[in-house]
Amino acid sequence: MRILALIIGCWFLSSCGSGDARQTAVLTESTAPAAPEADNEPPVPPAPVKQPGLKEACLFSQIAYCTDPQAQLDQFLPGWKLVWHPARTTSNHSFIASDGRQYVVAIRGSLMEISWNAIDNWIYQDLNVVEQDDWTYSDVQGARIAQGTARGLANVLQSTDTATGQKLLEFLLQNRKNNEPVLFTGHSLGGNLAAVIASRFYTETKEAGQAADVLNVISFASPAAGNSAFARDFDNKFPHALRVEAQGDIVAKFPCASRVAELGKLYGKQPSASQIKVGYKNMTVSLSTVFETMSSALSLLELKNGMSSFTQTCGKGMLIEMKPSGKNMLNDVQSWFAEAGYQHGVAQYATAMHVPVVECK
């Protein structure tokens, strides 16, 4: 009997001990601080920056023509502020805007009338395709740009901000602390210069250890800036670039010899280049013949420059079709170039792409 009582007593003591242990374990679990839930979840990545697209670029390209860009930015692109703006000049002009997360460099196009004399002067003097300059900011050997383009580039890059005194590329390099995206854009010669400025900035960005894959170019109605080597290098560096060209825009065809030869086929029967007579090189010939002759002259210049033919970036580009003005129906040189001027206008590009037309005040 005493043995039975001893066994029961031992069992009772062991049961009490394990109960205390369980109670202690429960108490320990309940009093231990809970791990914060955030420690168990991956950090939320920042929202991606929505870069300006085709329509925004068209607005910026229009605003580049305005004397007070900030007023138009407030109206059409609220949230964007001028951060770099040089004194206004009659030559090449540009500005930089930012929404706090990225930058846009907008370059003004050429202030020119579209007429036979103006086009002739523009090709051989302003754009100056007679001479080509070596382009040293290229990974493709033999890259060159038109001498007129090189001169326009120098004008833009020598301009200084009225507030900071900094030059354009200097400002971008010093302010891209977090590799912010940069879009380069412009219409006509502004688009031409956007390509070469972006190409140079790409090289300087890489040398500075900054990200270059967030740089992009969107241009409108821009003539070719350089030769085939320049175009290949550009296309390699900016695979997402866009070059928008209206089918009836003559400026965007220059100075590529093969494309200039086709200008006489534009606009159909009224106005018809084949029916229009003009004086050219002490001769009276059809306007279509003039373009064919001009194409041959450009080909000879390419031969003179070592078979360095002008080539557009982005291949055939993004072709858009504009409705004719309906106002230039006579078969004379004035009507033909009036229609050409209409087809080249930045307002017509905006209308064709369903973008608001910016009225500079």
Protein backbone atom coordinates (compact mmCIF):
# COMPACT_ATOMS: atom_id res chain seq x y z
CA MET A 1 0.00 0.00 0.00
CA ARG A 2 2.84 2.35 0.87
CA ILE A 3 4.44 1.49 -2.49
CA LEU A 4 1.23 2.43 -4.33
CA ALA A 5 1.02 5.76 -2.46
CA LEU A 6 4.66 6.51 -3.34
CA ILE A 7 4.01 5.87 -7.08
CA ILE A 8 0.92 8.14 -7.06
CA GLY A 9 2.91 10.88 -5.29
CA CYS A 10 5.72 10.79 -7.83
CA TRP A 11 3.24 10.97 -10.71
CA PHE A 12 1.52 13.99 -9.12
CA LEU A 13 4.82 15.86 -8.67
CA SER A 14 5.92 15.17 -12.24
CA SER A 15 2.55 16.38 -13.56
CA CYS A 16 2.83 19.65 -11.61
CA GLY A 17 6.37 20.22 -12.91
CA SER A 18 5.44 19.78 -16.56
CA GLY A 19 2.45 22.04 -16.06
CA ASP A 20 4.69 24.79 -14.70
CA ALA A 21 7.00 24.34 -17.68
CA ARG A 22 4.12 24.63 -20.09
CA GLN A 23 2.80 27.67 -18.27
CA THR A 24 6.26 29.27 -18.36
CA ALA A 25 6.54 28.55 -22.09
CA VAL A 26 3.14 30.12 -22.76
CA LEU A 27 4.05 33.14 -20.65
CA THR A 28 7.33 33.52 -22.52
CA GLU A 29 5.54 33.43 -25.88
CA SER A 30 2.91 35.92 -24.82
CA THR A 31 5.33 38.45 -23.39
CA ALA A 32 7.92 38.35 -26.24
CA PRO A 33 7.63 41.45 -28.49
CA ALA A 34 6.08 40.67 -31.88
CA ALA A 35 8.29 41.27 -34.90
CA PRO A 36 7.06 44.21 -36.95
CA GLU A 37 5.25 43.11 -40.09
CA ALA A 38 7.32 45.43 -42.28
CA ASP A 39 10.44 43.40 -41.48
CA ASN A 40 8.84 40.39 -43.11
CA GLU A 41 7.82 42.18 -46.35
CA PRO A 42 10.05 43.36 -49.21
CA PRO A 43 10.40 47.14 -49.54
CA VAL A 44 7.98 48.80 -51.93
CA PRO A 45 9.89 50.01 -55.02
CA PRO A 46 9.38 53.64 -56.06
CA ALA A 47 6.83 54.29 -58.77
CA PRO A 48 8.47 54.37 -62.22
CA VAL A 49 8.89 57.78 -63.82
CA LYS A 50 6.44 58.26 -66.69
CA GLN A 51 8.57 59.81 -69.39
CA PRO A 52 7.09 62.32 -71.84
CA GLY A 53 5.73 60.67 -74.95
CA LEU A 54 4.98 61.78 -78.49
CA LYS A 55 2.25 64.27 -77.63
CA GLU A 56 4.17 65.89 -74.79
CA ALA A 57 7.24 66.18 -77.02
CA CYS A 58 5.14 67.92 -79.67
CA LEU A 59 3.97 70.43 -77.06
CA PHE A 60 7.53 71.10 -75.89
CA SER A 61 8.68 71.56 -79.50
CA GLN A 62 5.95 74.14 -80.08
CA ILE A 63 6.70 75.96 -76.83
CA ALA A 64 10.35 76.30 -77.87
CA TYR A 65 9.18 78.93 -80.38
CA CYS A 66 7.59 81.08 -77.65
CA THR A 67 9.31 84.04 -75.97
CA ASP A 68 7.76 83.18 -72.58
CA PRO A 69 7.95 79.37 -72.32
CA GLN A 70 6.81 79.23 -68.69
CA ALA A 71 3.43 80.76 -69.53
CA GLN A 72 2.78 78.04 -72.11
CA LEU A 73 4.13 75.31 -69.81
CA ASP A 74 1.65 76.38 -67.14
CA GLN A 75 -1.18 76.20 -69.66
CA PHE A 76 -0.37 73.01 -71.55
CA LEU A 77 2.02 71.07 -69.28
CA PRO A 78 1.18 72.02 -65.67
CA GLY A 79 3.80 70.90 -63.17
CA TRP A 80 6.70 71.55 -65.53
CA LYS A 81 9.00 74.46 -64.67
CA LEU A 82 11.82 76.19 -66.51
CA VAL A 83 15.10 75.30 -64.82
CA TRP A 84 17.53 76.51 -67.50
CA HIS A 85 16.80 79.35 -69.92
CA PRO A 86 19.35 81.55 -71.73
CA ALA A 87 18.76 85.06 -72.99
CA ARG A 88 16.64 85.18 -76.13
CA THR A 89 18.57 85.31 -79.40
CA THR A 90 17.74 85.33 -83.10
CA SER A 91 19.93 82.27 -83.65
CA ASN A 92 19.50 78.79 -82.19
CA HIS A 93 17.60 78.83 -78.91
CA SER A 94 16.68 76.21 -76.31
CA PHE A 95 15.41 75.67 -72.77
CA ILE A 96 15.34 72.94 -70.12
CA ALA A 97 12.20 72.13 -68.14
CA SER A 98 11.69 69.71 -65.23
CA ASP A 99 8.79 68.23 -63.31
CA GLY A 100 11.07 67.40 -60.39
CA ARG A 101 11.79 63.86 -61.56
CA GLN A 102 13.14 64.28 -65.10
CA TYR A 103 14.25 66.84 -67.67
CA VAL A 104 13.25 67.90 -71.18
CA VAL A 105 15.60 69.82 -73.47
CA ALA A 106 13.59 71.64 -76.17
CA ILE A 107 15.36 73.32 -79.10
CA ARG A 108 13.71 75.93 -81.31
CA GLY A 109 13.45 75.26 -85.02
CA SER A 110 14.51 77.51 -87.86
CA LEU A 111 12.74 80.82 -88.31
CA MET A 112 12.41 80.72 -92.08
CA GLU A 113 9.92 81.20 -94.83
CA ILE A 114 9.44 78.37 -97.29
CA SER A 115 10.22 79.74 -100.75
CA TRP A 116 12.59 78.77 -103.54
CA ASN A 117 15.23 81.36 -102.60
CA ALA A 118 14.90 80.58 -98.89
CA ILE A 119 15.29 76.83 -99.46
CA ASP A 120 18.32 77.35 -101.69
CA ASN A 121 20.00 79.60 -99.10
CA TRP A 122 19.01 77.27 -96.28
CA ILE A 123 20.59 74.20 -97.92
CA TYR A 124 23.88 75.78 -98.87
CA GLN A 125 24.31 78.39 -96.13
CA ASP A 126 22.28 77.69 -92.95
CA LEU A 127 22.41 73.88 -93.11
CA ASN A 128 25.62 74.11 -95.17
CA VAL A 129 25.77 70.61 -96.58
CA VAL A 130 28.75 71.48 -98.79
CA GLU A 131 31.15 70.68 -95.96
CA GLN A 132 31.01 67.97 -93.30
CA ASP A 133 32.73 68.03 -89.91
CA ASP A 134 34.10 64.94 -88.16
CA TRP A 135 31.89 63.78 -85.29
CA THR A 136 34.16 62.58 -82.50
CA TYR A 137 31.34 61.53 -80.14
CA SER A 138 30.66 58.33 -82.06
CA ASP A 139 31.41 54.66 -81.55
CA VAL A 140 31.09 54.11 -85.31
CA GLN A 141 34.12 55.06 -87.35
CA GLY A 142 33.78 57.81 -89.95
CA ALA A 143 30.82 59.67 -88.44
CA ARG A 144 30.33 63.21 -89.75
CA ILE A 145 27.74 65.97 -89.47
CA ALA A 146 26.84 68.91 -91.71
CA GLN A 147 28.96 71.97 -91.03
CA GLY A 148 25.83 74.07 -90.55
CA THR A 149 24.61 71.60 -87.93
CA ALA A 150 27.97 71.84 -86.16
CA ARG A 151 27.66 75.63 -86.11
CA GLY A 152 24.13 75.45 -84.69
CA LEU A 153 25.32 72.98 -82.06
CA ALA A 154 28.04 75.39 -80.97
CA ASN A 155 25.49 78.20 -80.66
CA VAL A 156 23.28 76.15 -78.35
CA LEU A 157 26.10 74.76 -76.23
CA GLN A 158 27.69 78.19 -75.74
CA SER A 159 24.47 79.71 -74.40
CA THR A 160 24.36 80.28 -70.64
CA ASP A 161 21.46 80.26 -68.21
CA THR A 162 20.41 83.74 -67.11
CA ALA A 163 20.17 82.65 -63.46
CA THR A 164 23.11 80.27 -62.89
CA GLY A 165 25.48 81.19 -65.72
CA GLN A 166 25.83 77.49 -66.52
CA LYS A 167 25.95 76.07 -70.03
CA LEU A 168 23.39 73.48 -71.10
CA LEU A 169 25.38 70.26 -70.76
CA GLU A 170 27.14 71.53 -67.64
CA PHE A 171 23.75 72.09 -65.99
CA LEU A 172 22.48 68.62 -66.89
CA LEU A 173 25.60 66.81 -65.71
CA GLN A 174 25.62 68.62 -62.36
CA ASN A 175 21.90 68.22 -61.66
CA ARG A 176 21.32 64.58 -62.67
CA LYS A 177 22.24 63.32 -59.20
CA ASN A 178 19.87 60.35 -59.44
CA ASN A 179 20.25 59.56 -63.14
CA GLU A 180 17.01 61.33 -64.02
CA PRO A 181 15.66 60.68 -67.54
CA VAL A 182 16.28 63.35 -70.18
CA LEU A 183 14.28 63.85 -73.38
CA PHE A 184 15.68 65.94 -76.24
CA THR A 185 13.13 67.32 -78.69
CA GLY A 186 12.59 69.93 -81.37
CA HIS A 187 10.94 70.76 -84.69
CA SER A 188 12.75 71.36 -88.00
CA LEU A 189 16.36 72.42 -87.30
CA GLY A 190 15.48 72.08 -83.62
CA GLY A 191 14.98 68.35 -84.18
CA ASN A 192 18.18 68.23 -86.22
CA LEU A 193 20.11 69.76 -83.29
CA ALA A 194 18.30 67.59 -80.73
CA ALA A 195 19.89 64.52 -82.34
CA VAL A 196 23.46 65.83 -82.19
CA ILE A 197 23.14 67.36 -78.70
CA ALA A 198 21.73 64.09 -77.36
CA SER A 199 24.50 62.13 -79.09
CA ARG A 200 27.18 64.27 -77.48
CA PHE A 201 25.49 64.22 -74.07
CA TYR A 202 25.30 60.42 -74.26
CA THR A 203 29.10 60.26 -74.45
CA GLU A 204 29.63 62.81 -71.68
CA THR A 205 27.08 61.02 -69.49
CA LYS A 206 28.95 57.73 -69.81
CA GLU A 207 32.25 59.43 -69.05
CA ALA A 208 30.72 60.95 -65.91
CA GLY A 209 29.52 57.53 -64.72
CA GLN A 210 25.84 58.40 -65.13
CA ALA A 211 23.10 56.27 -66.68
CA ALA A 212 22.68 56.83 -70.41
CA ASP A 213 19.88 54.33 -71.08
CA VAL A 214 17.27 56.83 -69.81
CA LEU A 215 18.11 59.39 -72.51
CA ASN A 216 15.80 59.69 -75.51
CA VAL A 217 15.08 61.84 -78.57
CA ILE A 218 11.76 62.69 -80.25
CA SER A 219 11.99 65.04 -83.22
CA PHE A 220 9.57 66.48 -85.77
CA ALA A 221 10.19 67.51 -89.39
CA SER A 222 13.95 67.41 -88.92
CA PRO A 223 16.46 67.32 -91.79
CA ALA A 224 19.27 64.76 -91.56
CA ALA A 225 22.11 65.87 -89.31
CA GLY A 226 24.91 63.62 -90.51
CA ASN A 227 26.10 60.76 -92.65
CA SER A 228 25.28 57.06 -92.50
CA ALA A 229 27.91 56.38 -89.81
CA PHE A 230 26.40 59.10 -87.61
CA ALA A 231 22.92 57.64 -88.16
CA ARG A 232 24.04 54.10 -87.25
CA ASP A 233 25.74 55.33 -84.09
CA PHE A 234 22.66 57.33 -83.11
CA ASP A 235 20.29 54.41 -83.72
CA ASN A 236 22.49 52.13 -81.59
CA LYS A 237 22.50 54.61 -78.70
CA PHE A 238 18.84 55.61 -78.86
CA PRO A 239 16.82 52.52 -79.81
CA HIS A 240 13.56 54.12 -78.62
CA ALA A 241 14.04 57.44 -80.45
CA LEU A 242 11.26 58.71 -82.72
CA ARG A 243 11.59 60.92 -85.78
CA VAL A 244 8.19 62.10 -86.99
CA GLU A 245 7.91 63.13 -90.63
CA ALA A 246 4.93 64.27 -92.68
CA GLN A 247 4.84 62.66 -96.11
CA GLY A 248 4.44 66.07 -97.76
CA ASP A 249 7.18 67.83 -95.77
CA ILE A 250 10.10 68.74 -98.03
CA VAL A 251 12.44 69.89 -95.22
CA ALA A 252 12.51 66.43 -93.64
CA LYS A 253 13.77 64.98 -96.94
CA PHE A 254 16.91 67.14 -97.01
CA PRO A 255 19.80 66.79 -97.55
CA CYS A 256 19.52 63.11 -98.52
CA ALA A 257 20.16 63.00 -102.27
CA SER A 258 17.85 60.08 -103.04
CA ARG A 259 14.94 61.67 -101.19
CA VAL A 260 15.38 65.14 -102.72
CA ALA A 261 14.93 63.61 -106.19
CA GLU A 262 11.41 62.53 -105.17
CA LEU A 263 10.20 66.00 -104.16
CA GLY A 264 8.81 66.69 -107.61
CA LYS A 265 6.18 63.98 -107.05
CA LEU A 266 4.62 65.63 -104.00
CA TYR A 267 1.13 67.21 -103.89
CA GLY A 268 -0.27 65.48 -106.97
CA LYS A 269 -1.65 67.48 -109.88
CA GLN A 270 -2.29 70.79 -108.12
CA PRO A 271 0.20 72.20 -107.51
CA SER A 272 2.30 69.97 -109.78
CA ALA A 273 6.07 70.46 -109.77
CA SER A 274 6.33 69.00 -113.28
CA GLN A 275 4.04 71.76 -114.61
CA ILE A 276 5.77 74.66 -112.84
CA LYS A 277 8.56 76.52 -114.64
CA VAL A 278 11.34 78.23 -112.68
CA GLY A 279 14.63 79.91 -113.43
CA TYR A 280 17.56 77.80 -112.25
CA LYS A 281 21.25 78.16 -113.16
CA ASN A 282 20.44 80.51 -116.08
CA MET A 283 17.85 78.06 -117.41
CA THR A 284 14.08 77.79 -117.38
CA VAL A 285 13.11 74.29 -116.35
CA SER A 286 10.35 72.50 -114.48
CA LEU A 287 10.49 72.51 -110.70
CA SER A 288 10.67 68.71 -110.70
CA THR A 289 13.78 68.94 -112.91
CA VAL A 290 15.30 71.37 -110.43
CA PHE A 291 14.90 68.83 -107.64
CA GLU A 292 16.45 66.10 -109.79
CA THR A 293 19.39 68.41 -110.58
CA MET A 294 19.74 69.32 -106.92
CA SER A 295 19.77 65.62 -106.03
CA SER A 296 22.61 65.05 -108.49
CA ALA A 297 24.52 67.99 -107.01
CA LEU A 298 24.11 66.54 -103.52
CA SER A 299 25.39 63.20 -104.80
CA LEU A 300 28.48 64.94 -106.17
CA LEU A 301 29.04 66.58 -102.79
CA GLU A 302 28.81 63.16 -101.16
CA LEU A 303 31.45 61.91 -103.58
CA LYS A 304 33.62 64.94 -102.77
CA ASN A 305 33.29 64.14 -99.07
CA GLY A 306 34.50 60.58 -99.59
CA MET A 307 31.18 58.85 -100.31
CA SER A 308 29.84 60.22 -97.03
CA SER A 309 26.12 60.31 -97.83
CA PHE A 310 23.63 62.06 -95.59
CA THR A 311 21.29 59.58 -93.90
CA GLN A 312 18.29 60.07 -91.64
CA THR A 313 18.24 58.62 -88.13
CA CYS A 314 15.48 56.18 -87.09
CA GLY A 315 15.28 54.66 -90.56
CA LYS A 316 12.18 55.83 -92.43
CA GLY A 317 10.90 57.41 -89.25
CA MET A 318 7.28 57.65 -88.17
CA LEU A 319 5.43 58.83 -91.28
CA ILE A 320 2.22 60.78 -90.82
CA GLU A 321 -0.17 62.04 -93.48
CA MET A 322 -1.47 65.60 -93.43
CA LYS A 323 -4.48 66.86 -95.27
CA PRO A 324 -3.63 69.41 -97.97
CA SER A 325 -4.34 73.02 -97.11
CA GLY A 326 -6.85 73.33 -99.94
CA LYS A 327 -5.61 76.88 -100.55
CA ASN A 328 -2.64 76.37 -102.87
CA MET A 329 -4.16 74.99 -106.04
CA LEU A 330 -2.39 76.98 -108.76
CA ASN A 331 0.43 75.50 -110.81
CA ASP A 332 2.95 78.19 -109.98
CA VAL A 333 6.04 78.25 -107.81
CA GLN A 334 4.40 80.42 -105.15
CA SER A 335 1.56 77.94 -104.63
CA TRP A 336 3.91 74.95 -104.57
CA PHE A 337 6.15 76.40 -101.88
CA ALA A 338 3.19 77.79 -99.95
CA GLU A 339 1.89 74.24 -99.70
CA ALA A 340 5.36 73.02 -98.73
CA GLY A 341 5.45 75.63 -95.96
CA TYR A 342 2.04 74.53 -94.75
CA GLN A 343 3.06 70.85 -94.65
CA HIS A 344 6.21 71.73 -92.67
CA GLY A 345 4.50 73.89 -90.05
CA VAL A 346 4.66 72.75 -86.43
CA ALA A 347 0.97 73.60 -85.99
CA GLN A 348 0.07 71.13 -88.75
CA TYR A 349 2.15 68.43 -87.07
CA ALA A 350 0.28 69.08 -83.82
CA THR A 351 -3.10 68.95 -85.55
CA ALA A 352 -2.24 65.72 -87.39
CA MET A 353 -1.32 64.06 -84.07
CA HIS A 354 -4.34 65.47 -82.20
CA VAL A 355 -2.18 67.66 -79.98
CA PRO A 356 -3.29 71.16 -78.91
CA VAL A 357 -1.82 73.92 -81.07
CA VAL A 358 0.25 76.27 -78.92
CA GLU A 359 -0.34 79.96 -79.61
CA CYS A 360 2.70 81.93 -78.47
CA LYS A 361 1.76 85.14 -76.70
